[in-house]
């Protein structure tokens, strides 16, 4: 299993970025081995629209089955849902702390978006 986590930095000690589509980085990590890949999300940070959809596509293309982030808008959530990717929101702390919560089973998966669309 791979997990995508929105991050402000490029390692497992980085803070979780509460934004998904406009997060500085996405860290794709195997929670068992802690092997990870850093995805630069700078192309989406300043995009006029569609940042969440583009970030969701990157998560899917890298094989993640779970996304952990602070907030996920409706279009990104719908894209992730169609791709079969589960979303955990209201995530804070470091990437490693988020992984530990996931591994302990103390997370809840979203059933709908938890942020409004940006127009």
C-alpha atoms as a PDB file:
ATOM      1  CA  UNK A   1       0.000   0.000   0.000  1.00  0.00           C
ATOM      2  CA  UNK A   2       1.143   3.553  -0.733  1.00  0.00           C
ATOM      3  CA  UNK A   3      -0.050   6.646   1.109  1.00  0.00           C
ATOM      4  CA  UNK A   4       0.070  10.203  -0.241  1.00  0.00           C
ATOM      5  CA  UNK A   5       0.473  12.998   2.306  1.00  0.00           C
ATOM      6  CA  UNK A   6       0.384  16.713   1.525  1.00  0.00           C
ATOM      7  CA  UNK A   7       3.562  18.219   2.944  1.00  0.00           C
ATOM      8  CA  UNK A   8       5.340  21.532   3.419  1.00  0.00           C
ATOM      9  CA  UNK A   9       8.776  19.913   3.016  1.00  0.00           C
ATOM     10  CA  UNK A  10      10.553  17.010   1.419  1.00  0.00           C
ATOM     11  CA  UNK A  11      11.067  14.445   4.188  1.00  0.00           C
ATOM     12  CA  UNK A  12       9.091  12.425   6.724  1.00  0.00           C
ATOM     13  CA  UNK A  13       9.734  15.022   9.452  1.00  0.00           C
ATOM     14  CA  UNK A  14       8.080  17.759   7.368  1.00  0.00           C
ATOM     15  CA  UNK A  15       4.839  19.310   8.551  1.00  0.00           C
ATOM     16  CA  UNK A  16       1.660  18.197   6.847  1.00  0.00           C
ATOM     17  CA  UNK A  17       0.400  20.919   4.515  1.00  0.00           C
ATOM     18  CA  UNK A  18      -3.281  21.507   5.306  1.00  0.00           C
ATOM     19  CA  UNK A  19      -3.928  22.285   1.634  1.00  0.00           C
ATOM     20  CA  UNK A  20      -4.146  19.411  -0.795  1.00  0.00           C
ATOM     21  CA  UNK A  21      -4.258  20.833  -4.312  1.00  0.00           C
ATOM     22  CA  UNK A  22      -1.935  23.687  -3.486  1.00  0.00           C
ATOM     23  CA  UNK A  23       0.398  21.851  -1.106  1.00  0.00           C
ATOM     24  CA  UNK A  24       4.080  22.502  -1.734  1.00  0.00           C
ATOM     25  CA  UNK A  25       4.823  18.779  -1.986  1.00  0.00           C
ATOM     26  CA  UNK A  26       3.130  15.412  -1.956  1.00  0.00           C
ATOM     27  CA  UNK A  27       5.015  12.637  -0.230  1.00  0.00           C
ATOM     28  CA  UNK A  28       4.136   9.157  -1.459  1.00  0.00           C
ATOM     29  CA  UNK A  29       5.227   6.641   1.171  1.00  0.00           C
ATOM     30  CA  UNK A  30       5.021   2.943   1.910  1.00  0.00           C
ATOM     31  CA  UNK A  31       4.026   2.909   5.605  1.00  0.00           C
ATOM     32  CA  UNK A  32       5.677  -0.469   6.205  1.00  0.00           C
ATOM     33  CA  UNK A  33       9.126   0.210   4.742  1.00  0.00           C
ATOM     34  CA  UNK A  34       9.066   4.035   4.989  1.00  0.00           C
ATOM     35  CA  UNK A  35      10.430   4.232   1.452  1.00  0.00           C
ATOM     36  CA  UNK A  36       9.091   7.430  -0.074  1.00  0.00           C
ATOM     37  CA  UNK A  37       8.984   9.598  -3.158  1.00  0.00           C
ATOM     38  CA  UNK A  38       8.652  13.386  -3.061  1.00  0.00           C
ATOM     39  CA  UNK A  39       6.430  14.940  -5.720  1.00  0.00           C
ATOM     40  CA  UNK A  40       6.967  18.645  -6.387  1.00  0.00           C
ATOM     41  CA  UNK A  41       3.519  20.204  -6.614  1.00  0.00           C
ATOM     42  CA  UNK A  42       4.722  23.713  -7.534  1.00  0.00           C
ATOM     43  CA  UNK A  43       2.955  23.593 -10.900  1.00  0.00           C
ATOM     44  CA  UNK A  44      -0.370  23.489  -9.037  1.00  0.00           C
ATOM     45  CA  UNK A  45       0.439  25.941  -6.236  1.00  0.00           C
ATOM     46  CA  UNK A  46      -0.204  29.005  -8.396  1.00  0.00           C
ATOM     47  CA  UNK A  47      -2.613  27.538 -10.923  1.00  0.00           C
ATOM     48  CA  UNK A  48      -5.737  29.540 -11.611  1.00  0.00           C
ATOM     49  CA  UNK A  49      -8.037  26.536 -11.229  1.00  0.00           C
ATOM     50  CA  UNK A  50      -7.985  22.760 -11.203  1.00  0.00           C
ATOM     51  CA  UNK A  51      -5.149  22.393  -8.670  1.00  0.00           C
ATOM     52  CA  UNK A  52      -7.005  19.740  -6.667  1.00  0.00           C
ATOM     53  CA  UNK A  53      -7.911  17.696  -9.723  1.00  0.00           C
ATOM     54  CA  UNK A  54      -4.318  17.811 -10.982  1.00  0.00           C
ATOM     55  CA  UNK A  55      -2.925  16.851  -7.568  1.00  0.00           C
ATOM     56  CA  UNK A  56      -5.455  13.992  -7.343  1.00  0.00           C
ATOM     57  CA  UNK A  57      -4.282  12.758 -10.735  1.00  0.00           C
ATOM     58  CA  UNK A  58      -0.660  12.791  -9.533  1.00  0.00           C
ATOM     59  CA  UNK A  59      -1.645  10.783  -6.440  1.00  0.00           C
ATOM     60  CA  UNK A  60      -3.406   8.214  -8.604  1.00  0.00           C
ATOM     61  CA  UNK A  61      -0.578   8.021 -11.141  1.00  0.00           C
ATOM     62  CA  UNK A  62       1.864   7.149  -8.354  1.00  0.00           C
ATOM     63  CA  UNK A  63      -0.260   4.275  -7.071  1.00  0.00           C
ATOM     64  CA  UNK A  64      -1.405   5.654  -3.713  1.00  0.00           C
ATOM     65  CA  UNK A  65      -4.559   4.147  -2.234  1.00  0.00           C
ATOM     66  CA  UNK A  66      -4.910   6.655   0.630  1.00  0.00           C
ATOM     67  CA  UNK A  67      -4.503  10.437   0.777  1.00  0.00           C
ATOM     68  CA  UNK A  68      -3.868  12.200   4.092  1.00  0.00           C
ATOM     69  CA  UNK A  69      -4.297  15.988   4.131  1.00  0.00           C
ATOM     70  CA  UNK A  70      -5.918  18.858   5.966  1.00  0.00           C
ATOM     71  CA  UNK A  71      -8.644  19.859   3.549  1.00  0.00           C
ATOM     72  CA  UNK A  72      -9.965  18.341   0.347  1.00  0.00           C
ATOM     73  CA  UNK A  73     -12.327  20.255  -1.932  1.00  0.00           C
ATOM     74  CA  UNK A  74     -15.272  18.718  -3.779  1.00  0.00           C
ATOM     75  CA  UNK A  75     -13.687  18.351  -7.229  1.00  0.00           C
ATOM     76  CA  UNK A  76     -10.494  16.819  -5.871  1.00  0.00           C
ATOM     77  CA  UNK A  77     -12.523  14.547  -3.582  1.00  0.00           C
ATOM     78  CA  UNK A  78     -14.682  13.381  -6.475  1.00  0.00           C
ATOM     79  CA  UNK A  79     -11.606  12.669  -8.595  1.00  0.00           C
ATOM     80  CA  UNK A  80     -10.010  10.684  -5.773  1.00  0.00           C
ATOM     81  CA  UNK A  81     -13.232   8.813  -5.055  1.00  0.00           C
ATOM     82  CA  UNK A  82     -13.617   7.764  -8.692  1.00  0.00           C
ATOM     83  CA  UNK A  83     -10.003   6.528  -8.621  1.00  0.00           C
ATOM     84  CA  UNK A  84     -10.746   4.444  -5.501  1.00  0.00           C
ATOM     85  CA  UNK A  85      -8.454   6.502  -3.256  1.00  0.00           C
ATOM     86  CA  UNK A  86      -9.589   6.906   0.354  1.00  0.00           C
ATOM     87  CA  UNK A  87      -9.187  10.346   1.950  1.00  0.00           C
ATOM     88  CA  UNK A  88      -8.249  11.161   5.545  1.00  0.00           C
ATOM     89  CA  UNK A  89      -8.681  14.847   6.406  1.00  0.00           C
ATOM     90  CA  UNK A  90      -7.978  17.191   9.297  1.00  0.00           C
ATOM     91  CA  UNK A  91      -4.455  15.767   9.394  1.00  0.00           C
ATOM     92  CA  UNK A  92      -1.831  17.835  11.211  1.00  0.00           C
ATOM     93  CA  UNK A  93       1.615  17.367  12.709  1.00  0.00           C
ATOM     94  CA  UNK A  94       4.418  15.780  10.734  1.00  0.00           C
ATOM     95  CA  UNK A  95       4.218  13.298   7.901  1.00  0.00           C
ATOM     96  CA  UNK A  96       5.630  10.617  10.231  1.00  0.00           C
ATOM     97  CA  UNK A  97       3.018  11.374  12.903  1.00  0.00           C
ATOM     98  CA  UNK A  98       0.276  11.091  10.269  1.00  0.00           C
ATOM     99  CA  UNK A  99       1.640   7.704   9.200  1.00  0.00           C
ATOM    100  CA  UNK A 100       1.692   6.510  12.804  1.00  0.00           C
ATOM    101  CA  UNK A 101      -1.976   7.484  13.234  1.00  0.00           C
ATOM    102  CA  UNK A 102      -2.844   5.616  10.041  1.00  0.00           C
ATOM    103  CA  UNK A 103      -0.950   2.501  11.114  1.00  0.00           C
ATOM    104  CA  UNK A 104      -2.628   2.537  14.536  1.00  0.00           C
ATOM    105  CA  UNK A 105      -6.062   2.727  12.901  1.00  0.00           C
ATOM    106  CA  UNK A 106      -6.964   6.005  14.588  1.00  0.00           C
ATOM    107  CA  UNK A 107      -8.131   7.795  11.428  1.00  0.00           C
ATOM    108  CA  UNK A 108     -11.505   8.309   9.830  1.00  0.00           C
ATOM    109  CA  UNK A 109     -12.056   8.320   6.085  1.00  0.00           C
ATOM    110  CA  UNK A 110     -14.065  11.122   4.496  1.00  0.00           C
ATOM    111  CA  UNK A 111     -17.375  10.407   2.854  1.00  0.00           C
ATOM    112  CA  UNK A 112     -17.681  13.898   1.338  1.00  0.00           C
ATOM    113  CA  UNK A 113     -15.362  16.840   0.713  1.00  0.00           C
ATOM    114  CA  UNK A 114     -14.481  18.918   3.776  1.00  0.00           C
ATOM    115  CA  UNK A 115     -13.695  22.182   1.991  1.00  0.00           C
ATOM    116  CA  UNK A 116     -15.624  24.421  -0.384  1.00  0.00           C
ATOM    117  CA  UNK A 117     -14.761  24.733  -4.050  1.00  0.00           C
ATOM    118  CA  UNK A 118     -12.538  27.648  -5.029  1.00  0.00           C
ATOM    119  CA  UNK A 119     -13.907  29.782  -7.843  1.00  0.00           C
END
